Amino acid sequence: MAWQQDAHINENCLAYQNVMCMSCLDSCDASAISFNYQHKIARPSINISACTGCGFCQSSCPTHAISITPIAAENATLEHYEHV
C-alpha cells in the first residue's frame, strides 16, 4: 500500500441507482476494485489493502461517488480495513 487511506464508495454510485457502470474498475491498475454480483446490478467494493491511493478511480467516476481520505498513522488500525 503506497499510502494509508480509507477509500469509500457512496450512494451516488451509478450501480446503486441500478445503472451498469464499471469506470472505476477499468481505471484501477492495482486491481483493488471488484464487483459483487449479488444485486440486480453488480456493485463495486474497494479492497483497501490492495488500494494504492492513486485516485484514478476517483477521477474516472462520472458521479464522484468515490472518496479517498488519508488515515493518520496513530489511527491506522485494522478496524479501518474491516469494511471491505
PDB file of N, CA and C in Angstrom:
ATOM      1  N   MET A   1       0.850  -1.170   0.000  1.00  0.00           N
ATOM      2  CA  MET A   1       0.000   0.000   0.000  1.00  0.00           C
ATOM      3  C   MET A   1       0.894   1.231   0.000  1.00  0.00           C
ATOM      4  N   ALA A   2       0.693   2.117  -0.937  1.00  0.00           N
ATOM      5  CA  ALA A   2       1.532   3.305  -1.061  1.00  0.00           C
ATOM      6  C   ALA A   2       1.261   4.316   0.053  1.00  0.00           C
ATOM      7  N   TRP A   3       0.005   4.554   0.365  1.00  0.00           N
ATOM      8  CA  TRP A   3      -0.382   5.476   1.419  1.00  0.00           C
ATOM      9  C   TRP A   3      -1.388   4.773   2.294  1.00  0.00           C
ATOM     10  N   GLN A   4      -1.509   5.217   3.539  1.00  0.00           N
ATOM     11  CA  GLN A   4      -2.567   4.682   4.384  1.00  0.00           C
ATOM     12  C   GLN A   4      -3.776   5.575   4.184  1.00  0.00           C
ATOM     13  N   GLN A   5      -4.833   4.990   3.661  1.00  0.00           N
ATOM     14  CA  GLN A   5      -6.027   5.739   3.338  1.00  0.00           C
ATOM     15  C   GLN A   5      -7.261   4.893   3.553  1.00  0.00           C
ATOM     16  N   ASP A   6      -8.393   5.578   3.569  1.00  0.00           N
ATOM     17  CA  ASP A   6      -9.679   4.913   3.651  1.00  0.00           C
ATOM     18  C   ASP A   6     -10.440   5.304   2.395  1.00  0.00           C
ATOM     19  N   ALA A   7     -10.740   4.359   1.554  1.00  0.00           N
ATOM     20  CA  ALA A   7     -11.491   4.625   0.327  1.00  0.00           C
ATOM     21  C   ALA A   7     -12.922   4.165   0.534  1.00  0.00           C
ATOM     22  N   HIS A   8     -13.846   4.937   0.023  1.00  0.00           N
ATOM     23  CA  HIS A   8     -15.262   4.659   0.242  1.00  0.00           C
ATOM     24  C   HIS A   8     -16.053   4.971  -1.022  1.00  0.00           C
ATOM     25  N   ILE A   9     -17.027   4.130  -1.312  1.00  0.00           N
ATOM     26  CA  ILE A   9     -17.945   4.365  -2.437  1.00  0.00           C
ATOM     27  C   ILE A   9     -19.298   4.716  -1.832  1.00  0.00           C
ATOM     28  N   ASN A  10     -19.813   5.896  -2.163  1.00  0.00           N
ATOM     29  CA  ASN A  10     -21.076   6.320  -1.564  1.00  0.00           C
ATOM     30  C   ASN A  10     -22.280   5.995  -2.451  1.00  0.00           C
ATOM     31  N   GLU A  11     -23.459   6.370  -1.982  1.00  0.00           N
ATOM     32  CA  GLU A  11     -24.716   6.018  -2.654  1.00  0.00           C
ATOM     33  C   GLU A  11     -24.924   6.725  -3.984  1.00  0.00           C
ATOM     34  N   ASN A  12     -24.054   7.672  -4.344  1.00  0.00           N
ATOM     35  CA  ASN A  12     -24.141   8.311  -5.662  1.00  0.00           C
ATOM     36  C   ASN A  12     -23.652   7.401  -6.781  1.00  0.00           C
ATOM     37  N   CYS A  13     -23.025   6.301  -6.425  1.00  0.00           N
ATOM     38  CA  CYS A  13     -22.524   5.342  -7.411  1.00  0.00           C
ATOM     39  C   CYS A  13     -23.669   4.899  -8.326  1.00  0.00           C
ATOM     40  N   LEU A  14     -23.417   4.906  -9.620  1.00  0.00           N
ATOM     41  CA  LEU A  14     -24.461   4.519 -10.580  1.00  0.00           C
ATOM     42  C   LEU A  14     -24.997   3.112 -10.325  1.00  0.00           C
ATOM     43  N   ALA A  15     -24.133   2.214  -9.864  1.00  0.00           N
ATOM     44  CA  ALA A  15     -24.577   0.845  -9.594  1.00  0.00           C
ATOM     45  C   ALA A  15     -25.656   0.815  -8.516  1.00  0.00           C
ATOM     46  N   TYR A  16     -25.598   1.726  -7.562  1.00  0.00           N
ATOM     47  CA  TYR A  16     -26.621   1.807  -6.514  1.00  0.00           C
ATOM     48  C   TYR A  16     -27.920   2.404  -7.048  1.00  0.00           C
ATOM     49  N   GLN A  17     -27.858   2.983  -8.243  1.00  0.00           N
ATOM     50  CA  GLN A  17     -29.041   3.526  -8.911  1.00  0.00           C
ATOM     51  C   GLN A  17     -29.521   2.566 -10.006  1.00  0.00           C
ATOM     52  N   ASN A  18     -29.006   1.334  -9.966  1.00  0.00           N
ATOM     53  CA  ASN A  18     -29.336   0.279 -10.937  1.00  0.00           C
ATOM     54  C   ASN A  18     -28.924   0.629 -12.365  1.00  0.00           C
ATOM     55  N   VAL A  19     -27.781   1.299 -12.481  1.00  0.00           N
ATOM     56  CA  VAL A  19     -27.205   1.621 -13.782  1.00  0.00           C
ATOM     57  C   VAL A  19     -25.826   0.954 -13.846  1.00  0.00           C
ATOM     58  N   MET A  20     -25.615   0.157 -14.874  1.00  0.00           N
ATOM     59  CA  MET A  20     -24.344  -0.550 -15.006  1.00  0.00           C
ATOM     60  C   MET A  20     -23.234   0.433 -15.350  1.00  0.00           C
ATOM     61  N   CYS A  21     -22.196   0.437 -14.528  1.00  0.00           N
ATOM     62  CA  CYS A  21     -21.030   1.277 -14.756  1.00  0.00           C
ATOM     63  C   CYS A  21     -19.834   0.574 -14.130  1.00  0.00           C
ATOM     64  N   MET A  22     -18.731   0.528 -14.827  1.00  0.00           N
ATOM     65  CA  MET A  22     -17.510  -0.073 -14.298  1.00  0.00           C
ATOM     66  C   MET A  22     -16.310   0.823 -14.572  1.00  0.00           C
ATOM     67  N   SER A  23     -16.545   2.132 -14.595  1.00  0.00           N
ATOM     68  CA  SER A  23     -15.464   3.082 -14.847  1.00  0.00           C
ATOM     69  C   SER A  23     -14.339   2.937 -13.841  1.00  0.00           C
ATOM     70  N   CYS A  24     -14.693   2.754 -12.576  1.00  0.00           N
ATOM     71  CA  CYS A  24     -13.666   2.636 -11.537  1.00  0.00           C
ATOM     72  C   CYS A  24     -12.834   1.368 -11.721  1.00  0.00           C
ATOM     73  N   LEU A  25     -13.473   0.283 -12.080  1.00  0.00           N
ATOM     74  CA  LEU A  25     -12.773  -0.985 -12.295  1.00  0.00           C
ATOM     75  C   LEU A  25     -11.777  -0.852 -13.444  1.00  0.00           C
ATOM     76  N   ASP A  26     -12.232  -0.231 -14.518  1.00  0.00           N
ATOM     77  CA  ASP A  26     -11.384  -0.071 -15.695  1.00  0.00           C
ATOM     78  C   ASP A  26     -10.173   0.813 -15.428  1.00  0.00           C
ATOM     79  N   SER A  27     -10.283   1.729 -14.484  1.00  0.00           N
ATOM     80  CA  SER A  27      -9.186   2.666 -14.222  1.00  0.00           C
ATOM     81  C   SER A  27      -8.233   2.211 -13.122  1.00  0.00           C
ATOM     82  N   CYS A  28      -8.546   1.117 -12.433  1.00  0.00           N
ATOM     83  CA  CYS A  28      -7.735   0.688 -11.291  1.00  0.00           C
ATOM     84  C   CYS A  28      -6.626  -0.273 -11.716  1.00  0.00           C
ATOM     85  N   ASP A  29      -5.406   0.267 -11.842  1.00  0.00           N
ATOM     86  CA  ASP A  29      -4.257  -0.557 -12.223  1.00  0.00           C
ATOM     87  C   ASP A  29      -3.858  -1.541 -11.126  1.00  0.00           C
ATOM     88  N   ALA A  30      -4.216  -1.240  -9.888  1.00  0.00           N
ATOM     89  CA  ALA A  30      -3.850  -2.100  -8.757  1.00  0.00           C
ATOM     90  C   ALA A  30      -4.825  -3.263  -8.568  1.00  0.00           C
ATOM     91  N   SER A  31      -5.884  -3.299  -9.360  1.00  0.00           N
ATOM     92  CA  SER A  31      -6.936  -4.327  -9.237  1.00  0.00           C
ATOM     93  C   SER A  31      -7.509  -4.367  -7.828  1.00  0.00           C
ATOM     94  N   ALA A  32      -7.678  -3.184  -7.222  1.00  0.00           N
ATOM     95  CA  ALA A  32      -8.216  -3.094  -5.865  1.00  0.00           C
ATOM     96  C   ALA A  32      -9.733  -3.020  -5.847  1.00  0.00           C
ATOM     97  N   ILE A  33     -10.350  -2.894  -7.008  1.00  0.00           N
ATOM     98  CA  ILE A  33     -11.809  -2.792  -7.085  1.00  0.00           C
ATOM     99  C   ILE A  33     -12.363  -4.070  -7.690  1.00  0.00           C
ATOM    100  N   SER A  34     -13.371  -4.600  -7.014  1.00  0.00           N
ATOM    101  CA  SER A  34     -14.065  -5.784  -7.521  1.00  0.00           C
ATOM    102  C   SER A  34     -15.560  -5.501  -7.484  1.00  0.00           C
ATOM    103  N   PHE A  35     -16.314  -6.343  -8.145  1.00  0.00           N
ATOM    104  CA  PHE A  35     -17.758  -6.159  -8.199  1.00  0.00           C
ATOM    105  C   PHE A  35     -18.476  -7.340  -7.587  1.00  0.00           C
ATOM    106  N   ASN A  36     -19.479  -7.034  -6.783  1.00  0.00           N
ATOM    107  CA  ASN A  36     -20.312  -8.022  -6.115  1.00  0.00           C
ATOM    108  C   ASN A  36     -21.550  -8.237  -6.988  1.00  0.00           C
ATOM    109  N   TYR A  37     -21.740  -9.445  -7.429  1.00  0.00           N
ATOM    110  CA  TYR A  37     -22.847  -9.753  -8.339  1.00  0.00           C
ATOM    111  C   TYR A  37     -24.070 -10.308  -7.628  1.00  0.00           C
ATOM    112  N   GLN A  38     -24.249  -9.979  -6.347  1.00  0.00           N
ATOM    113  CA  GLN A  38     -25.401 -10.463  -5.587  1.00  0.00           C
ATOM    114  C   GLN A  38     -26.610  -9.547  -5.715  1.00  0.00           C
ATOM    115  N   HIS A  39     -26.474  -8.459  -6.439  1.00  0.00           N
ATOM    116  CA  HIS A  39     -27.554  -7.497  -6.606  1.00  0.00           C
ATOM    117  C   HIS A  39     -28.009  -7.514  -8.062  1.00  0.00           C
ATOM    118  N   LYS A  40     -29.089  -6.803  -8.332  1.00  0.00           N
ATOM    119  CA  LYS A  40     -29.612  -6.706  -9.692  1.00  0.00           C
ATOM    120  C   LYS A  40     -28.526  -6.211 -10.653  1.00  0.00           C
ATOM    121  N   ILE A  41     -27.805  -5.179 -10.224  1.00  0.00           N
ATOM    122  CA  ILE A  41     -26.663  -4.640 -10.951  1.00  0.00           C
ATOM    123  C   ILE A  41     -25.444  -4.830 -10.064  1.00  0.00           C
ATOM    124  N   ALA A  42     -24.354  -5.283 -10.644  1.00  0.00           N
ATOM    125  CA  ALA A  42     -23.126  -5.519  -9.866  1.00  0.00           C
ATOM    126  C   ALA A  42     -22.665  -4.229  -9.192  1.00  0.00           C
ATOM    127  N   ARG A  43     -22.279  -4.338  -7.915  1.00  0.00           N
ATOM    128  CA  ARG A  43     -21.842  -3.170  -7.141  1.00  0.00           C
ATOM    129  C   ARG A  43     -20.359  -3.275  -6.810  1.00  0.00           C
ATOM    130  N   PRO A  44     -19.647  -2.153  -6.892  1.00  0.00           N
ATOM    131  CA  PRO A  44     -18.206  -2.178  -6.626  1.00  0.00           C
ATOM    132  C   PRO A  44     -17.877  -2.172  -5.138  1.00  0.00           C
ATOM    133  N   SER A  45     -16.732  -2.726  -4.830  1.00  0.00           N
ATOM    134  CA  SER A  45     -16.168  -2.613  -3.487  1.00  0.00           C
ATOM    135  C   SER A  45     -14.666  -2.438  -3.647  1.00  0.00           C
ATOM    136  N   ILE A  46     -14.054  -1.794  -2.664  1.00  0.00           N
ATOM    137  CA  ILE A  46     -12.630  -1.489  -2.721  1.00  0.00           C
ATOM    138  C   ILE A  46     -11.893  -2.322  -1.689  1.00  0.00           C
ATOM    139  N   ASN A  47     -10.880  -3.031  -2.141  1.00  0.00           N
ATOM    140  CA  ASN A  47     -10.008  -3.787  -1.252  1.00  0.00           C
ATOM    141  C   ASN A  47      -8.927  -2.810  -0.785  1.00  0.00           C
ATOM    142  N   ILE A  48      -9.079  -2.306   0.433  1.00  0.00           N
ATOM    143  CA  ILE A  48      -8.190  -1.280   0.950  1.00  0.00           C
ATOM    144  C   ILE A  48      -6.731  -1.742   0.987  1.00  0.00           C
ATOM    145  N   SER A  49      -6.516  -3.008   1.286  1.00  0.00           N
ATOM    146  CA  SER A  49      -5.130  -3.487   1.371  1.00  0.00           C
ATOM    147  C   SER A  49      -4.450  -3.516   0.006  1.00  0.00           C
ATOM    148  N   ALA A  50      -5.215  -3.557  -1.078  1.00  0.00           N
ATOM    149  CA  ALA A  50      -4.639  -3.535  -2.431  1.00  0.00           C
ATOM    150  C   ALA A  50      -4.617  -2.123  -3.022  1.00  0.00           C
ATOM    151  N   CYS A  51      -5.391  -1.227  -2.453  1.00  0.00           N
ATOM    152  CA  CYS A  51      -5.504   0.141  -2.963  1.00  0.00           C
ATOM    153  C   CYS A  51      -4.206   0.909  -2.745  1.00  0.00           C
ATOM    154  N   THR A  52      -3.735   1.583  -3.799  1.00  0.00           N
ATOM    155  CA  THR A  52      -2.521   2.395  -3.699  1.00  0.00           C
ATOM    156  C   THR A  52      -2.828   3.849  -3.379  1.00  0.00           C
ATOM    157  N   GLY A  53      -4.095   4.225  -3.436  1.00  0.00           N
ATOM    158  CA  GLY A  53      -4.478   5.608  -3.166  1.00  0.00           C
ATOM    159  C   GLY A  53      -4.174   6.557  -4.306  1.00  0.00           C
ATOM    160  N   CYS A  54      -3.983   6.038  -5.505  1.00  0.00           N
ATOM    161  CA  CYS A  54      -3.583   6.866  -6.648  1.00  0.00           C
ATOM    162  C   CYS A  54      -4.670   7.850  -7.084  1.00  0.00           C
ATOM    163  N   GLY A  55      -5.942   7.506  -6.851  1.00  0.00           N
ATOM    164  CA  GLY A  55      -7.037   8.402  -7.204  1.00  0.00           C
ATOM    165  C   GLY A  55      -7.576   8.253  -8.607  1.00  0.00           C
ATOM    166  N   PHE A  56      -7.058   7.315  -9.386  1.00  0.00           N
ATOM    167  CA  PHE A  56      -7.571   7.133 -10.748  1.00  0.00           C
ATOM    168  C   PHE A  56      -9.058   6.789 -10.750  1.00  0.00           C
ATOM    169  N   CYS A  57      -9.491   5.987  -9.790  1.00  0.00           N
ATOM    170  CA  CYS A  57     -10.912   5.627  -9.720  1.00  0.00           C
ATOM    171  C   CYS A  57     -11.762   6.861  -9.419  1.00  0.00           C
ATOM    172  N   GLN A  58     -11.257   7.725  -8.556  1.00  0.00           N
ATOM    173  CA  GLN A  58     -11.968   8.962  -8.226  1.00  0.00           C
ATOM    174  C   GLN A  58     -12.169   9.818  -9.465  1.00  0.00           C
ATOM    175  N   SER A  59     -11.119   9.999 -10.223  1.00  0.00           N
ATOM    176  CA  SER A  59     -11.202  10.882 -11.385  1.00  0.00           C
ATOM    177  C   SER A  59     -12.026  10.288 -12.517  1.00  0.00           C
ATOM    178  N   SER A  60     -12.153   8.965 -12.568  1.00  0.00           N
ATOM    179  CA  SER A  60     -12.922   8.350 -13.647  1.00  0.00           C
ATOM    180  C   SER A  60     -14.400   8.172 -13.308  1.00  0.00           C
ATOM    181  N   CYS A  61     -14.763   8.321 -12.046  1.00  0.00           N
ATOM    182  CA  CYS A  61     -16.163   8.108 -11.635  1.00  0.00           C
ATOM    183  C   CYS A  61     -17.038   9.255 -12.127  1.00  0.00           C
ATOM    184  N   PRO A  62     -18.056   8.952 -12.942  1.00  0.00           N
ATOM    185  CA  PRO A  62     -18.897  10.017 -13.502  1.00  0.00           C
ATOM    186  C   PRO A  62     -19.777  10.716 -12.469  1.00  0.00           C
ATOM    187  N   THR A  63     -19.992  10.101 -11.313  1.00  0.00           N
ATOM    188  CA  THR A  63     -20.837  10.715 -10.283  1.00  0.00           C
ATOM    189  C   THR A  63     -20.045  11.142  -9.047  1.00  0.00           C
ATOM    190  N   HIS A  64     -18.723  11.043  -9.111  1.00  0.00           N
ATOM    191  CA  HIS A  64     -17.850  11.424  -7.984  1.00  0.00           C
ATOM    192  C   HIS A  64     -18.243  10.690  -6.704  1.00  0.00           C
ATOM    193  N   ALA A  65     -18.527   9.409  -6.837  1.00  0.00           N
ATOM    194  CA  ALA A  65     -19.001   8.598  -5.712  1.00  0.00           C
ATOM    195  C   ALA A  65     -17.875   8.000  -4.880  1.00  0.00           C
ATOM    196  N   ILE A  66     -16.639   8.193  -5.284  1.00  0.00           N
ATOM    197  CA  ILE A  66     -15.520   7.585  -4.563  1.00  0.00           C
ATOM    198  C   ILE A  66     -14.737   8.668  -3.834  1.00  0.00           C
ATOM    199  N   SER A  67     -14.518   8.412  -2.548  1.00  0.00           N
ATOM    200  CA  SER A  67     -13.696   9.333  -1.772  1.00  0.00           C
ATOM    201  C   SER A  67     -12.519   8.567  -1.181  1.00  0.00           C
ATOM    202  N   ILE A  68     -11.371   9.216  -1.177  1.00  0.00           N
ATOM    203  CA  ILE A  68     -10.169   8.631  -0.594  1.00  0.00           C
ATOM    204  C   ILE A  68      -9.641   9.645   0.404  1.00  0.00           C
ATOM    205  N   THR A  69      -9.595   9.229   1.669  1.00  0.00           N
ATOM    206  CA  THR A  69      -9.125  10.128   2.713  1.00  0.00           C
ATOM    207  C   THR A  69      -7.955   9.495   3.448  1.00  0.00           C
ATOM    208  N   PRO A  70      -6.948  10.292   3.770  1.00  0.00           N
ATOM    209  CA  PRO A  70      -5.795   9.759   4.498  1.00  0.00           C
ATOM    210  C   PRO A  70      -6.182   9.370   5.919  1.00  0.00           C
ATOM    211  N   ILE A  71      -5.512   8.369   6.431  1.00  0.00           N
ATOM    212  CA  ILE A  71      -5.699   7.934   7.807  1.00  0.00           C
ATOM    213  C   ILE A  71      -4.441   8.338   8.568  1.00  0.00           C
ATOM    214  N   ALA A  72      -4.621   9.044   9.662  1.00  0.00           N
ATOM    215  CA  ALA A  72      -3.470   9.416  10.486  1.00  0.00           C
ATOM    216  C   ALA A  72      -2.805   8.145  10.995  1.00  0.00           C
ATOM    217  N   ALA A  73      -1.493   8.126  11.031  1.00  0.00           N
ATOM    218  CA  ALA A  73      -0.737   6.931  11.415  1.00  0.00           C
ATOM    219  C   ALA A  73      -1.195   6.359  12.743  1.00  0.00           C
ATOM    220  N   GLU A  74      -1.523   7.218  13.704  1.00  0.00           N
ATOM    221  CA  GLU A  74      -1.941   6.712  15.010  1.00  0.00           C
ATOM    222  C   GLU A  74      -3.334   6.093  14.977  1.00  0.00           C
ATOM    223  N   ASN A  75      -4.124   6.401  13.928  1.00  0.00           N
ATOM    224  CA  ASN A  75      -5.468   5.845  13.798  1.00  0.00           C
ATOM    225  C   ASN A  75      -5.541   4.703  12.793  1.00  0.00           C
ATOM    226  N   ALA A  76      -4.453   4.375  12.151  1.00  0.00           N
ATOM    227  CA  ALA A  76      -4.439   3.349  11.110  1.00  0.00           C
ATOM    228  C   ALA A  76      -4.399   1.967  11.756  1.00  0.00           C
ATOM    229  N   THR A  77      -5.551   1.494  12.154  1.00  0.00           N
ATOM    230  CA  THR A  77      -5.659   0.174  12.770  1.00  0.00           C
ATOM    231  C   THR A  77      -6.442  -0.739  11.853  1.00  0.00           C
ATOM    232  N   LEU A  78      -6.479  -1.979  12.196  1.00  0.00           N
ATOM    233  CA  LEU A  78      -7.200  -2.972  11.412  1.00  0.00           C
ATOM    234  C   LEU A  78      -8.684  -2.637  11.296  1.00  0.00           C
ATOM    235  N   GLU A  79      -9.248  -1.911  12.246  1.00  0.00           N
ATOM    236  CA  GLU A  79     -10.660  -1.556  12.210  1.00  0.00           C
ATOM    237  C   GLU A  79     -11.023  -0.799  10.932  1.00  0.00           C
ATOM    238  N   HIS A  80     -10.112   0.019  10.418  1.00  0.00           N
ATOM    239  CA  HIS A  80     -10.378   0.792   9.206  1.00  0.00           C
ATOM    240  C   HIS A  80     -10.514  -0.111   7.985  1.00  0.00           C
ATOM    241  N   TYR A  81      -9.982  -1.293   8.027  1.00  0.00           N
ATOM    242  CA  TYR A  81      -9.953  -2.165   6.857  1.00  0.00           C
ATOM    243  C   TYR A  81     -11.014  -3.253   6.890  1.00  0.00           C
ATOM    244  N   GLU A  82     -11.798  -3.311   7.935  1.00  0.00           N
ATOM    245  CA  GLU A  82     -12.771  -4.390   8.075  1.00  0.00           C
ATOM    246  C   GLU A  82     -14.029  -4.181   7.251  1.00  0.00           C
ATOM    247  N   HIS A  83     -14.246  -3.006   6.676  1.00  0.00           N
ATOM    248  CA  HIS A  83     -15.467  -2.762   5.922  1.00  0.00           C
ATOM    249  C   HIS A  83     -15.375  -3.212   4.477  1.00  0.00           C
ATOM    250  N   VAL A  84     -14.286  -3.772   4.064  1.00  0.00           N
ATOM    251  CA  VAL A  84     -14.092  -4.214   2.665  1.00  0.00           C
ATOM    252  C   VAL A  84     -14.979  -5.395   2.372  1.00  0.00           C
TER     253      VAL A  84
END
